[in-house]
């Protein structure tokens, strides 16, 4: 017996790939940049609920860059090392939550926020 599976928009897979590229960015930073470019490319053609994920991914990159630069500068007075850890944790939580909402085919709530 064949089971009919509803087709998912192809950009759902792209959004998932971007989250994975962001997570891999800890090991090879260029993957996060590739993910950013992909998010900018696919954002405009996505349905509204999926667009929230692309907007979150774009904001996550730029906020991470800002937080990372501030933490890097503060490493001079040692507090930056703790901040770098917290920024990395923030990055991981946003990506994992994004993957969770993406698997549920729902919009990311508060995708314009600065926290989680």
N, C-alpha and C. Protein backbone atom coordinates (compact mmCIF):
# COMPACT_ATOMS: atom_id res chain seq x y z
N UNK A 1 0.83 -1.17 0.00
CA UNK A 1 0.00 0.00 0.00
C UNK A 1 0.89 1.24 0.00
N UNK A 2 0.65 2.11 -0.93
CA UNK A 2 1.43 3.34 -1.03
C UNK A 2 0.86 4.41 -0.13
N UNK A 3 1.74 5.09 0.51
CA UNK A 3 1.33 6.17 1.39
C UNK A 3 1.67 7.49 0.71
N UNK A 4 0.70 8.40 0.68
CA UNK A 4 0.93 9.69 0.05
C UNK A 4 1.56 10.63 1.07
N UNK A 5 2.69 11.13 0.70
CA UNK A 5 3.41 12.06 1.57
C UNK A 5 3.32 13.44 0.93
N UNK A 6 2.80 14.42 1.68
CA UNK A 6 2.72 15.76 1.09
C UNK A 6 4.11 16.30 0.77
N UNK A 7 4.20 16.95 -0.36
CA UNK A 7 5.49 17.50 -0.78
C UNK A 7 5.84 18.71 0.08
N UNK A 8 7.07 18.78 0.49
CA UNK A 8 7.56 19.93 1.24
C UNK A 8 8.20 20.88 0.25
N UNK A 9 8.05 22.15 0.49
CA UNK A 9 8.72 23.10 -0.40
C UNK A 9 10.23 22.84 -0.40
N UNK A 10 10.87 22.93 -1.54
CA UNK A 10 12.30 22.64 -1.61
C UNK A 10 13.13 23.55 -0.71
N UNK A 11 12.64 24.74 -0.43
CA UNK A 11 13.42 25.66 0.38
C UNK A 11 13.46 25.25 1.85
N UNK A 12 12.58 24.32 2.29
CA UNK A 12 12.66 23.82 3.66
C UNK A 12 13.99 23.10 3.86
N UNK A 13 14.37 22.31 2.88
CA UNK A 13 15.65 21.63 2.95
C UNK A 13 16.81 22.61 2.96
N UNK A 14 16.68 23.69 2.21
CA UNK A 14 17.72 24.71 2.19
C UNK A 14 17.86 25.36 3.56
N UNK A 15 16.74 25.68 4.18
CA UNK A 15 16.78 26.30 5.51
C UNK A 15 17.45 25.37 6.52
N UNK A 16 17.17 24.08 6.39
CA UNK A 16 17.79 23.10 7.29
C UNK A 16 19.30 23.04 7.05
N UNK A 17 19.69 23.07 5.79
CA UNK A 17 21.12 23.06 5.44
C UNK A 17 21.81 24.29 6.04
N UNK A 18 21.14 25.43 6.00
CA UNK A 18 21.74 26.65 6.54
C UNK A 18 21.97 26.52 8.04
N UNK A 19 20.99 25.96 8.77
CA UNK A 19 21.19 25.75 10.21
C UNK A 19 22.40 24.84 10.46
N UNK A 20 22.52 23.79 9.65
CA UNK A 20 23.65 22.86 9.82
C UNK A 20 24.97 23.57 9.49
N UNK A 21 24.97 24.37 8.43
CA UNK A 21 26.18 25.13 8.09
C UNK A 21 26.57 26.08 9.22
N UNK A 22 25.57 26.67 9.85
CA UNK A 22 25.87 27.56 10.98
C UNK A 22 26.50 26.78 12.12
N UNK A 23 25.96 25.60 12.41
CA UNK A 23 26.52 24.79 13.50
C UNK A 23 27.94 24.33 13.16
N UNK A 24 28.18 24.04 11.89
CA UNK A 24 29.53 23.65 11.47
C UNK A 24 30.49 24.84 11.46
N UNK A 25 29.95 26.03 11.55
CA UNK A 25 30.77 27.24 11.55
C UNK A 25 31.76 27.31 12.69
N UNK A 26 31.53 26.53 13.75
CA UNK A 26 32.49 26.51 14.85
C UNK A 26 33.80 25.85 14.43
N UNK A 27 33.72 24.95 13.48
CA UNK A 27 34.90 24.20 13.05
C UNK A 27 35.53 24.80 11.79
N UNK A 28 34.69 25.34 10.94
CA UNK A 28 35.16 25.97 9.71
C UNK A 28 34.28 27.20 9.47
N UNK A 29 34.74 28.35 9.88
CA UNK A 29 33.94 29.57 9.87
C UNK A 29 33.33 29.93 8.53
N UNK A 30 33.94 29.48 7.45
CA UNK A 30 33.43 29.82 6.12
C UNK A 30 32.04 29.23 5.89
N UNK A 31 31.71 28.13 6.58
CA UNK A 31 30.39 27.53 6.37
C UNK A 31 29.28 28.46 6.84
N UNK A 32 29.53 29.23 7.88
CA UNK A 32 28.53 30.20 8.35
C UNK A 32 28.33 31.30 7.31
N UNK A 33 29.40 31.72 6.67
CA UNK A 33 29.29 32.75 5.63
C UNK A 33 28.51 32.20 4.43
N UNK A 34 28.76 30.95 4.07
CA UNK A 34 28.02 30.32 2.98
C UNK A 34 26.54 30.25 3.35
N UNK A 35 26.25 29.89 4.60
CA UNK A 35 24.86 29.85 5.06
C UNK A 35 24.20 31.21 4.98
N UNK A 36 24.93 32.26 5.34
CA UNK A 36 24.39 33.62 5.27
C UNK A 36 24.01 33.98 3.83
N UNK A 37 24.91 33.70 2.90
CA UNK A 37 24.64 34.00 1.49
C UNK A 37 23.41 33.22 1.01
N UNK A 38 23.31 31.96 1.39
CA UNK A 38 22.16 31.15 1.00
C UNK A 38 20.87 31.72 1.58
N UNK A 39 20.90 32.16 2.82
CA UNK A 39 19.70 32.73 3.45
C UNK A 39 19.24 33.98 2.70
N UNK A 40 20.18 34.82 2.30
CA UNK A 40 19.82 36.01 1.53
C UNK A 40 19.22 35.62 0.18
N UNK A 41 19.75 34.59 -0.45
CA UNK A 41 19.27 34.18 -1.78
C UNK A 41 17.85 33.62 -1.71
N UNK A 42 17.56 32.77 -0.74
CA UNK A 42 16.29 32.06 -0.70
C UNK A 42 15.19 32.77 0.08
N UNK A 43 15.51 33.82 0.79
CA UNK A 43 14.55 34.48 1.67
C UNK A 43 13.34 35.02 0.92
N UNK A 44 13.54 35.68 -0.20
CA UNK A 44 12.45 36.37 -0.88
C UNK A 44 11.43 35.44 -1.51
N UNK A 45 11.83 34.25 -1.90
CA UNK A 45 10.92 33.31 -2.57
C UNK A 45 10.21 32.37 -1.60
N UNK A 46 10.49 32.48 -0.33
CA UNK A 46 9.95 31.53 0.66
C UNK A 46 8.56 31.98 1.12
N UNK A 47 7.72 31.00 1.51
CA UNK A 47 6.44 31.37 2.13
C UNK A 47 6.70 32.11 3.45
N UNK A 48 5.69 32.81 3.93
CA UNK A 48 5.86 33.68 5.10
C UNK A 48 6.43 32.96 6.32
N UNK A 49 5.91 31.75 6.62
CA UNK A 49 6.38 31.03 7.81
C UNK A 49 7.85 30.64 7.66
N UNK A 50 8.26 30.31 6.45
CA UNK A 50 9.64 29.91 6.22
C UNK A 50 10.57 31.13 6.17
N UNK A 51 10.02 32.24 5.73
CA UNK A 51 10.81 33.48 5.69
C UNK A 51 11.29 33.87 7.09
N UNK A 52 10.49 33.54 8.12
CA UNK A 52 10.93 33.85 9.49
C UNK A 52 12.23 33.12 9.83
N UNK A 53 12.39 31.92 9.30
CA UNK A 53 13.62 31.16 9.54
C UNK A 53 14.81 31.82 8.84
N UNK A 54 14.60 32.22 7.59
CA UNK A 54 15.69 32.88 6.86
C UNK A 54 16.08 34.21 7.52
N UNK A 55 15.07 34.96 7.96
CA UNK A 55 15.37 36.23 8.64
C UNK A 55 16.10 35.97 9.95
N UNK A 56 15.70 34.93 10.67
CA UNK A 56 16.39 34.58 11.91
C UNK A 56 17.84 34.21 11.61
N UNK A 57 18.06 33.44 10.57
CA UNK A 57 19.42 33.02 10.22
C UNK A 57 20.29 34.22 9.87
N UNK A 58 19.73 35.15 9.13
CA UNK A 58 20.49 36.35 8.75
C UNK A 58 20.81 37.17 10.00
N UNK A 59 19.80 37.39 10.84
CA UNK A 59 20.02 38.17 12.07
C UNK A 59 21.00 37.46 13.00
N UNK A 60 20.89 36.14 13.09
CA UNK A 60 21.78 35.38 13.96
C UNK A 60 23.23 35.59 13.55
N UNK A 61 23.50 35.56 12.27
CA UNK A 61 24.88 35.75 11.80
C UNK A 61 25.40 37.12 12.22
N UNK A 62 24.64 38.18 11.92
CA UNK A 62 25.13 39.53 12.19
C UNK A 62 25.21 39.83 13.69
N UNK A 63 24.25 39.32 14.46
CA UNK A 63 24.31 39.52 15.91
C UNK A 63 25.49 38.75 16.48
N UNK A 64 25.72 37.54 15.98
CA UNK A 64 26.86 36.74 16.44
C UNK A 64 28.17 37.47 16.14
N UNK A 65 28.25 38.07 14.98
CA UNK A 65 29.46 38.82 14.62
C UNK A 65 29.67 39.98 15.59
N UNK A 66 28.61 40.71 15.90
CA UNK A 66 28.70 41.82 16.84
C UNK A 66 29.10 41.34 18.23
N UNK A 67 28.37 40.34 18.75
CA UNK A 67 28.68 39.79 20.07
C UNK A 67 30.09 39.22 20.11
N UNK A 68 30.48 38.54 19.05
CA UNK A 68 31.81 37.93 19.00
C UNK A 68 32.92 38.97 19.01
N UNK A 69 32.73 40.06 18.27
CA UNK A 69 33.74 41.13 18.27
C UNK A 69 33.86 41.78 19.65
N UNK A 70 32.72 42.04 20.27
CA UNK A 70 32.75 42.64 21.62
C UNK A 70 33.45 41.69 22.59
N UNK A 71 33.07 40.41 22.54
CA UNK A 71 33.69 39.44 23.45
C UNK A 71 35.18 39.30 23.16
N UNK A 72 35.55 39.31 21.88
CA UNK A 72 36.96 39.21 21.52
C UNK A 72 37.78 40.37 22.07
N UNK A 73 37.23 41.56 21.98
CA UNK A 73 37.93 42.73 22.53
C UNK A 73 38.04 42.61 24.04
N UNK A 74 36.98 42.12 24.68
CA UNK A 74 36.99 42.00 26.14
C UNK A 74 37.86 40.85 26.65
N UNK A 75 38.39 40.04 25.75
CA UNK A 75 39.31 38.98 26.17
C UNK A 75 40.58 39.57 26.79
N UNK A 76 40.85 40.81 26.46
CA UNK A 76 42.01 41.49 27.04
C UNK A 76 41.89 41.54 28.57
N UNK A 77 40.66 41.72 29.05
CA UNK A 77 40.47 41.77 30.51
C UNK A 77 39.84 40.48 31.04
N UNK A 78 39.98 39.41 30.28
CA UNK A 78 39.61 38.05 30.64
C UNK A 78 38.10 37.77 30.68
N UNK A 79 37.25 38.75 30.87
CA UNK A 79 35.81 38.49 30.89
C UNK A 79 35.33 38.04 29.51
N UNK A 80 36.07 38.40 28.48
CA UNK A 80 35.70 38.04 27.12
C UNK A 80 35.64 36.55 26.88
N UNK A 81 36.46 35.78 27.58
CA UNK A 81 36.44 34.33 27.39
C UNK A 81 35.11 33.74 27.83
N UNK A 82 34.58 34.23 28.94
CA UNK A 82 33.25 33.80 29.39
C UNK A 82 32.19 34.24 28.40
N UNK A 83 32.32 35.46 27.91
CA UNK A 83 31.35 35.97 26.94
C UNK A 83 31.40 35.18 25.64
N UNK A 84 32.59 34.79 25.19
CA UNK A 84 32.69 33.97 23.98
C UNK A 84 31.96 32.64 24.16
N UNK A 85 32.10 32.05 25.34
CA UNK A 85 31.39 30.81 25.63
C UNK A 85 29.88 31.04 25.58
N UNK A 86 29.41 32.12 26.19
CA UNK A 86 27.98 32.42 26.21
C UNK A 86 27.44 32.72 24.81
N UNK A 87 28.23 33.40 24.01
CA UNK A 87 27.83 33.68 22.63
C UNK A 87 27.72 32.39 21.83
N UNK A 88 28.66 31.48 22.02
CA UNK A 88 28.61 30.19 21.33
C UNK A 88 27.38 29.40 21.76
N UNK A 89 27.08 29.43 23.04
CA UNK A 89 25.89 28.76 23.56
C UNK A 89 24.62 29.37 22.97
N UNK A 90 24.58 30.69 22.89
CA UNK A 90 23.45 31.40 22.29
C UNK A 90 23.25 30.97 20.83
N UNK A 91 24.34 30.89 20.10
CA UNK A 91 24.32 30.50 18.68
C UNK A 91 23.74 29.09 18.53
N UNK A 92 24.21 28.17 19.35
CA UNK A 92 23.75 26.78 19.28
C UNK A 92 22.27 26.68 19.62
N UNK A 93 21.84 27.37 20.66
CA UNK A 93 20.43 27.32 21.06
C UNK A 93 19.54 27.85 19.95
N UNK A 94 19.92 28.95 19.34
CA UNK A 94 19.10 29.51 18.25
C UNK A 94 19.02 28.54 17.06
N UNK A 95 20.11 27.91 16.73
CA UNK A 95 20.10 26.97 15.61
C UNK A 95 19.27 25.72 15.92
N UNK A 96 19.42 25.19 17.11
CA UNK A 96 18.67 23.98 17.48
C UNK A 96 17.17 24.29 17.56
N UNK A 97 16.82 25.44 18.14
CA UNK A 97 15.40 25.82 18.18
C UNK A 97 14.86 26.02 16.77
N UNK A 98 15.67 26.61 15.91
CA UNK A 98 15.25 26.81 14.53
C UNK A 98 15.00 25.49 13.82
N UNK A 99 15.87 24.53 14.03
CA UNK A 99 15.67 23.20 13.43
C UNK A 99 14.40 22.55 13.97
N UNK A 100 14.13 22.73 15.26
CA UNK A 100 12.93 22.16 15.86
C UNK A 100 11.67 22.74 15.22
N UNK A 101 11.60 24.06 15.11
CA UNK A 101 10.43 24.70 14.50
C UNK A 101 10.34 24.37 13.01
N UNK A 102 11.46 24.24 12.36
CA UNK A 102 11.46 23.90 10.94
C UNK A 102 10.90 22.50 10.72
N UNK A 103 11.28 21.55 11.57
CA UNK A 103 10.74 20.19 11.46
C UNK A 103 9.24 20.15 11.70
N UNK A 104 8.72 21.11 12.47
CA UNK A 104 7.29 21.18 12.74
C UNK A 104 6.56 22.01 11.68
N UNK A 105 7.29 22.49 10.69
CA UNK A 105 6.74 23.35 9.64
C UNK A 105 6.02 24.57 10.21
N UNK A 106 6.61 25.18 11.22
CA UNK A 106 6.03 26.37 11.83
C UNK A 106 7.04 27.51 11.78
N UNK A 107 6.50 28.71 11.87
CA UNK A 107 7.35 29.90 11.88
C UNK A 107 8.15 29.95 13.17
N UNK A 108 9.28 30.60 13.11
CA UNK A 108 10.09 30.81 14.31
C UNK A 108 9.48 31.99 15.06
N UNK A 109 9.03 31.76 16.30
CA UNK A 109 8.43 32.88 17.05
C UNK A 109 9.51 33.90 17.44
N UNK A 110 9.15 35.14 17.39
CA UNK A 110 10.05 36.23 17.76
C UNK A 110 11.39 36.14 17.02
N UNK A 111 11.29 35.97 15.71
CA UNK A 111 12.51 35.82 14.91
C UNK A 111 13.31 37.12 14.80
N UNK A 112 12.73 38.21 15.23
CA UNK A 112 13.46 39.48 15.19
C UNK A 112 14.08 39.84 16.54
N UNK A 113 13.96 38.94 17.50
CA UNK A 113 14.51 39.20 18.83
C UNK A 113 16.02 39.04 18.87
N UNK A 114 16.60 39.51 19.96
CA UNK A 114 18.04 39.45 20.14
C UNK A 114 18.47 38.27 20.97
N UNK A 115 17.55 37.62 21.66
CA UNK A 115 17.93 36.51 22.52
C UNK A 115 17.62 35.18 21.84
N UNK A 116 16.74 34.40 22.42
CA UNK A 116 16.45 33.07 21.88
C UNK A 116 15.14 33.07 21.15
